[in-house]
Each structure stands twice: as C-alpha cells, then as structure tokens.
C-alpha cells in the first residue's frame, strides 16, 4: 500500500491482480470484499474498492468526513435514489 506523500509521480494499481480482502460484517450478517489502494497517514484519507454482494444493506450510519462512491456494476440504493454503473455519488 502506498502513501500519498511518498511521490509526486503517478501511481498505478493493477486492481485485476490484487486479491479481494474478505470481511464479515456482523451487523448485516454479510461478507463484504475490499481492495485497499491508498491511505494517507497525515489525513487518514483512504481510497479503496468495495464489493458488496447482491442484497447487501448497510446499516444506517454516518461518517465524520465526506466520502464518495463510484458504481461499477449493479445498483446502489441510497436514501436519495438508485444509481447504476457510471454514477459517482458524493456525500459532503
């Protein structure tokens, strides 16, 4: 895993070659999968790929910071609507 502050050059991640990290969510009783790409130790900003199984529902929660999601396949259902592939949703 790389840190933002290590280099000013472009950093490439071949996510096809990265294994999925399997994580059990006890609250939802589903397994989720992720690929952690970047973590900035100074700000704790992180970039990761999440894969949720069909039917997965995230229990209501809030974040202490802004976050966004890019939908690659399937449908992301939120309190504001449903979003399919190609949509980027930002929560300030």
N, C-alpha and C. Protein backbone atom coordinates (compact mmCIF):
# COMPACT_ATOMS: atom_id res chain seq x y z
N UNK A 1 0.84 -1.17 0.00
CA UNK A 1 0.00 0.00 0.00
C UNK A 1 0.89 1.23 0.00
N UNK A 2 0.50 2.23 -0.77
CA UNK A 2 1.28 3.45 -0.89
C UNK A 2 0.67 4.59 -0.10
N UNK A 3 1.50 5.54 0.26
CA UNK A 3 1.04 6.76 0.91
C UNK A 3 1.07 7.88 -0.10
N UNK A 4 0.14 8.84 0.01
CA UNK A 4 0.09 9.97 -0.90
C UNK A 4 1.39 10.76 -0.88
N UNK A 5 2.00 10.88 0.28
CA UNK A 5 3.15 11.77 0.43
C UNK A 5 4.46 11.17 -0.08
N UNK A 6 4.46 9.91 -0.51
CA UNK A 6 5.69 9.26 -0.94
C UNK A 6 6.22 9.80 -2.26
N UNK A 7 5.35 10.21 -3.17
CA UNK A 7 5.80 10.56 -4.51
C UNK A 7 4.83 11.53 -5.15
N UNK A 8 5.37 12.35 -6.06
CA UNK A 8 4.54 13.24 -6.85
C UNK A 8 4.23 12.62 -8.21
N UNK A 9 4.79 11.46 -8.49
CA UNK A 9 4.56 10.77 -9.76
C UNK A 9 3.27 9.97 -9.69
N UNK A 10 2.74 9.67 -10.85
CA UNK A 10 1.54 8.84 -10.93
C UNK A 10 1.81 7.47 -10.32
N UNK A 11 0.83 6.94 -9.66
CA UNK A 11 0.93 5.61 -9.05
C UNK A 11 -0.12 4.73 -9.70
N UNK A 12 0.29 3.60 -10.21
CA UNK A 12 -0.60 2.68 -10.90
C UNK A 12 -0.94 1.51 -9.99
N UNK A 13 -2.20 1.13 -9.98
CA UNK A 13 -2.64 -0.07 -9.28
C UNK A 13 -3.32 -0.97 -10.30
N UNK A 14 -2.79 -2.15 -10.52
CA UNK A 14 -3.45 -3.13 -11.36
C UNK A 14 -4.40 -3.90 -10.45
N UNK A 15 -5.60 -3.37 -10.30
CA UNK A 15 -6.54 -3.96 -9.34
C UNK A 15 -6.98 -5.36 -9.77
N UNK A 16 -6.81 -5.70 -11.06
CA UNK A 16 -7.13 -7.06 -11.51
C UNK A 16 -6.20 -8.08 -10.87
N UNK A 17 -5.00 -7.65 -10.50
CA UNK A 17 -4.03 -8.57 -9.91
C UNK A 17 -4.07 -8.58 -8.38
N UNK A 18 -4.85 -7.68 -7.79
CA UNK A 18 -4.92 -7.58 -6.33
C UNK A 18 -5.98 -8.54 -5.79
N UNK A 19 -5.68 -9.27 -4.73
CA UNK A 19 -6.69 -10.15 -4.15
C UNK A 19 -7.76 -9.35 -3.39
N UNK A 20 -8.95 -9.89 -3.31
CA UNK A 20 -10.00 -9.29 -2.52
C UNK A 20 -9.80 -9.67 -1.06
N UNK A 21 -9.94 -8.70 -0.17
CA UNK A 21 -9.91 -8.95 1.27
C UNK A 21 -11.34 -9.21 1.72
N UNK A 22 -11.60 -10.40 2.25
CA UNK A 22 -12.94 -10.79 2.68
C UNK A 22 -13.15 -10.35 4.12
N UNK A 23 -14.24 -9.62 4.36
CA UNK A 23 -14.52 -9.09 5.70
C UNK A 23 -15.97 -9.39 6.06
N UNK A 24 -16.18 -9.95 7.23
CA UNK A 24 -17.54 -10.26 7.69
C UNK A 24 -18.09 -9.06 8.44
N UNK A 25 -19.31 -8.66 8.10
CA UNK A 25 -19.99 -7.59 8.81
C UNK A 25 -21.03 -8.22 9.72
N UNK A 26 -20.74 -8.24 11.01
CA UNK A 26 -21.60 -8.92 11.97
C UNK A 26 -22.99 -8.29 12.04
N UNK A 27 -23.05 -6.97 11.86
CA UNK A 27 -24.34 -6.28 11.96
C UNK A 27 -25.29 -6.69 10.84
N UNK A 28 -24.74 -6.82 9.61
CA UNK A 28 -25.58 -7.17 8.47
C UNK A 28 -25.60 -8.67 8.18
N UNK A 29 -24.65 -9.40 8.78
CA UNK A 29 -24.51 -10.85 8.56
C UNK A 29 -24.12 -11.19 7.12
N UNK A 30 -23.43 -10.28 6.43
CA UNK A 30 -22.94 -10.49 5.08
C UNK A 30 -21.42 -10.39 5.06
N UNK A 31 -20.82 -11.06 4.09
CA UNK A 31 -19.41 -10.84 3.80
C UNK A 31 -19.30 -9.71 2.78
N UNK A 32 -18.35 -8.82 3.00
CA UNK A 32 -18.03 -7.75 2.08
C UNK A 32 -16.62 -8.01 1.60
N UNK A 33 -16.25 -7.38 0.51
CA UNK A 33 -14.91 -7.56 -0.05
C UNK A 33 -14.33 -6.19 -0.37
N UNK A 34 -13.02 -6.05 -0.18
CA UNK A 34 -12.40 -4.77 -0.50
C UNK A 34 -10.97 -4.96 -0.97
N UNK A 35 -10.51 -3.94 -1.69
CA UNK A 35 -9.11 -3.83 -2.10
C UNK A 35 -8.67 -2.44 -1.64
N UNK A 36 -7.78 -2.38 -0.69
CA UNK A 36 -7.30 -1.11 -0.17
C UNK A 36 -6.21 -0.59 -1.10
N UNK A 37 -6.39 0.62 -1.62
CA UNK A 37 -5.44 1.18 -2.57
C UNK A 37 -4.51 2.19 -1.91
N UNK A 38 -5.06 3.17 -1.23
CA UNK A 38 -4.24 4.24 -0.68
C UNK A 38 -4.72 4.61 0.72
N UNK A 39 -3.77 4.97 1.58
CA UNK A 39 -4.07 5.55 2.89
C UNK A 39 -3.06 6.66 3.12
N UNK A 40 -3.56 7.85 3.39
CA UNK A 40 -2.68 8.98 3.71
C UNK A 40 -2.55 9.06 5.23
N UNK A 41 -1.37 8.78 5.78
CA UNK A 41 -1.22 8.76 7.23
C UNK A 41 -1.42 10.13 7.89
N UNK A 42 -1.26 11.20 7.11
CA UNK A 42 -1.43 12.54 7.69
C UNK A 42 -2.90 12.94 7.82
N UNK A 43 -3.74 12.50 6.89
CA UNK A 43 -5.14 12.91 6.90
C UNK A 43 -6.11 11.74 7.11
N UNK A 44 -5.62 10.52 7.02
CA UNK A 44 -6.43 9.31 7.08
C UNK A 44 -7.37 9.16 5.88
N UNK A 45 -7.12 9.95 4.82
CA UNK A 45 -7.89 9.77 3.60
C UNK A 45 -7.53 8.40 3.03
N UNK A 46 -8.55 7.66 2.60
CA UNK A 46 -8.28 6.36 2.01
C UNK A 46 -9.07 6.20 0.72
N UNK A 47 -8.51 5.40 -0.15
CA UNK A 47 -9.17 5.03 -1.39
C UNK A 47 -9.18 3.51 -1.44
N UNK A 48 -10.36 2.96 -1.64
CA UNK A 48 -10.46 1.50 -1.71
C UNK A 48 -11.59 1.12 -2.65
N UNK A 49 -11.54 -0.09 -3.11
CA UNK A 49 -12.60 -0.66 -3.92
C UNK A 49 -13.39 -1.58 -3.00
N UNK A 50 -14.69 -1.38 -2.94
CA UNK A 50 -15.57 -2.24 -2.15
C UNK A 50 -16.46 -3.03 -3.09
N UNK A 51 -16.70 -4.27 -2.74
CA UNK A 51 -17.64 -5.10 -3.50
C UNK A 51 -18.64 -5.65 -2.49
N UNK A 52 -19.90 -5.34 -2.73
CA UNK A 52 -20.96 -5.79 -1.85
C UNK A 52 -21.77 -6.86 -2.57
N UNK A 53 -22.17 -7.92 -1.87
CA UNK A 53 -22.97 -8.96 -2.51
C UNK A 53 -24.39 -8.44 -2.79
N UNK A 54 -25.04 -9.04 -3.77
CA UNK A 54 -26.42 -8.68 -4.08
C UNK A 54 -27.28 -8.79 -2.82
N UNK A 55 -28.09 -7.79 -2.59
CA UNK A 55 -28.97 -7.80 -1.42
C UNK A 55 -28.37 -7.20 -0.17
N UNK A 56 -27.09 -6.85 -0.22
CA UNK A 56 -26.42 -6.28 0.96
C UNK A 56 -27.04 -4.92 1.30
N UNK A 57 -27.33 -4.72 2.58
CA UNK A 57 -27.84 -3.45 3.06
C UNK A 57 -26.93 -2.98 4.18
N UNK A 58 -26.37 -1.79 4.00
CA UNK A 58 -25.52 -1.22 5.03
C UNK A 58 -26.40 -0.66 6.13
N UNK A 59 -26.18 -1.04 7.37
CA UNK A 59 -26.95 -0.44 8.47
C UNK A 59 -26.74 1.07 8.49
N UNK A 60 -27.77 1.83 8.85
CA UNK A 60 -27.69 3.29 8.87
C UNK A 60 -26.49 3.72 9.71
N UNK A 61 -25.72 4.65 9.17
CA UNK A 61 -24.53 5.14 9.86
C UNK A 61 -24.17 6.50 9.31
N UNK A 62 -23.26 7.17 9.95
CA UNK A 62 -22.75 8.45 9.47
C UNK A 62 -21.23 8.38 9.44
N UNK A 63 -20.63 9.33 8.76
CA UNK A 63 -19.18 9.42 8.69
C UNK A 63 -18.76 10.78 9.24
N UNK A 64 -17.57 10.85 9.79
CA UNK A 64 -17.06 12.11 10.32
C UNK A 64 -16.41 12.96 9.23
N UNK A 65 -16.45 12.46 8.00
CA UNK A 65 -15.84 13.17 6.88
C UNK A 65 -16.65 12.89 5.61
N UNK A 66 -16.34 13.63 4.57
CA UNK A 66 -17.00 13.40 3.28
C UNK A 66 -16.57 12.06 2.70
N UNK A 67 -17.40 11.50 1.86
CA UNK A 67 -17.00 10.29 1.15
C UNK A 67 -17.80 10.16 -0.13
N UNK A 68 -17.26 9.39 -1.05
CA UNK A 68 -17.91 9.19 -2.33
C UNK A 68 -17.85 7.74 -2.74
N UNK A 69 -18.74 7.38 -3.66
CA UNK A 69 -18.77 6.02 -4.19
C UNK A 69 -18.99 6.10 -5.70
N UNK A 70 -18.22 5.30 -6.43
CA UNK A 70 -18.38 5.15 -7.87
C UNK A 70 -18.98 3.77 -8.11
N UNK A 71 -20.10 3.72 -8.79
CA UNK A 71 -20.78 2.45 -9.04
C UNK A 71 -20.22 1.84 -10.31
N UNK A 72 -19.65 0.64 -10.18
CA UNK A 72 -19.04 -0.03 -11.32
C UNK A 72 -20.01 -1.02 -11.96
N UNK A 73 -20.83 -1.68 -11.16
CA UNK A 73 -21.84 -2.59 -11.68
C UNK A 73 -22.93 -2.74 -10.63
N UNK A 74 -24.07 -3.22 -11.05
CA UNK A 74 -25.18 -3.36 -10.13
C UNK A 74 -25.86 -2.02 -9.88
N UNK A 75 -26.58 -1.92 -8.78
CA UNK A 75 -27.31 -0.71 -8.41
C UNK A 75 -27.04 -0.38 -6.96
N UNK A 76 -26.66 0.86 -6.72
CA UNK A 76 -26.51 1.37 -5.36
C UNK A 76 -27.79 2.08 -4.99
N UNK A 77 -28.47 1.58 -3.95
CA UNK A 77 -29.70 2.21 -3.48
C UNK A 77 -29.37 3.02 -2.24
N UNK A 78 -29.74 4.30 -2.26
CA UNK A 78 -29.49 5.19 -1.13
C UNK A 78 -30.80 5.86 -0.73
N UNK A 79 -30.74 6.64 0.33
CA UNK A 79 -31.92 7.38 0.76
C UNK A 79 -32.32 8.44 -0.25
N UNK A 80 -31.42 8.77 -1.18
CA UNK A 80 -31.67 9.80 -2.18
C UNK A 80 -32.04 9.24 -3.56
N UNK A 81 -31.95 7.93 -3.73
CA UNK A 81 -32.28 7.34 -5.03
C UNK A 81 -31.45 6.12 -5.33
N UNK A 82 -31.59 5.62 -6.56
CA UNK A 82 -30.87 4.43 -7.01
C UNK A 82 -29.92 4.84 -8.13
N UNK A 83 -28.71 4.29 -8.11
CA UNK A 83 -27.67 4.70 -9.04
C UNK A 83 -27.00 3.46 -9.64
N UNK A 84 -26.89 3.45 -10.96
CA UNK A 84 -26.29 2.34 -11.66
C UNK A 84 -24.86 2.63 -12.09
N UNK A 85 -24.29 1.73 -12.88
CA UNK A 85 -22.90 1.84 -13.33
C UNK A 85 -22.60 3.19 -13.98
N UNK A 86 -21.45 3.74 -13.63
CA UNK A 86 -21.01 5.01 -14.18
C UNK A 86 -21.35 6.21 -13.32
N UNK A 87 -22.17 6.02 -12.29
CA UNK A 87 -22.52 7.13 -11.41
C UNK A 87 -21.51 7.26 -10.28
N UNK A 88 -21.21 8.51 -9.94
CA UNK A 88 -20.37 8.82 -8.78
C UNK A 88 -21.23 9.63 -7.82
N UNK A 89 -21.36 9.15 -6.60
CA UNK A 89 -22.18 9.80 -5.59
C UNK A 89 -21.25 10.36 -4.52
N UNK A 90 -21.42 11.62 -4.16
CA UNK A 90 -20.57 12.31 -3.17
C UNK A 90 -21.44 12.77 -2.02
N UNK A 91 -21.04 12.40 -0.83
CA UNK A 91 -21.70 12.87 0.39
C UNK A 91 -20.74 13.84 1.08
N UNK A 92 -21.04 15.16 1.05
CA UNK A 92 -20.13 16.16 1.66
C UNK A 92 -20.04 16.02 3.18
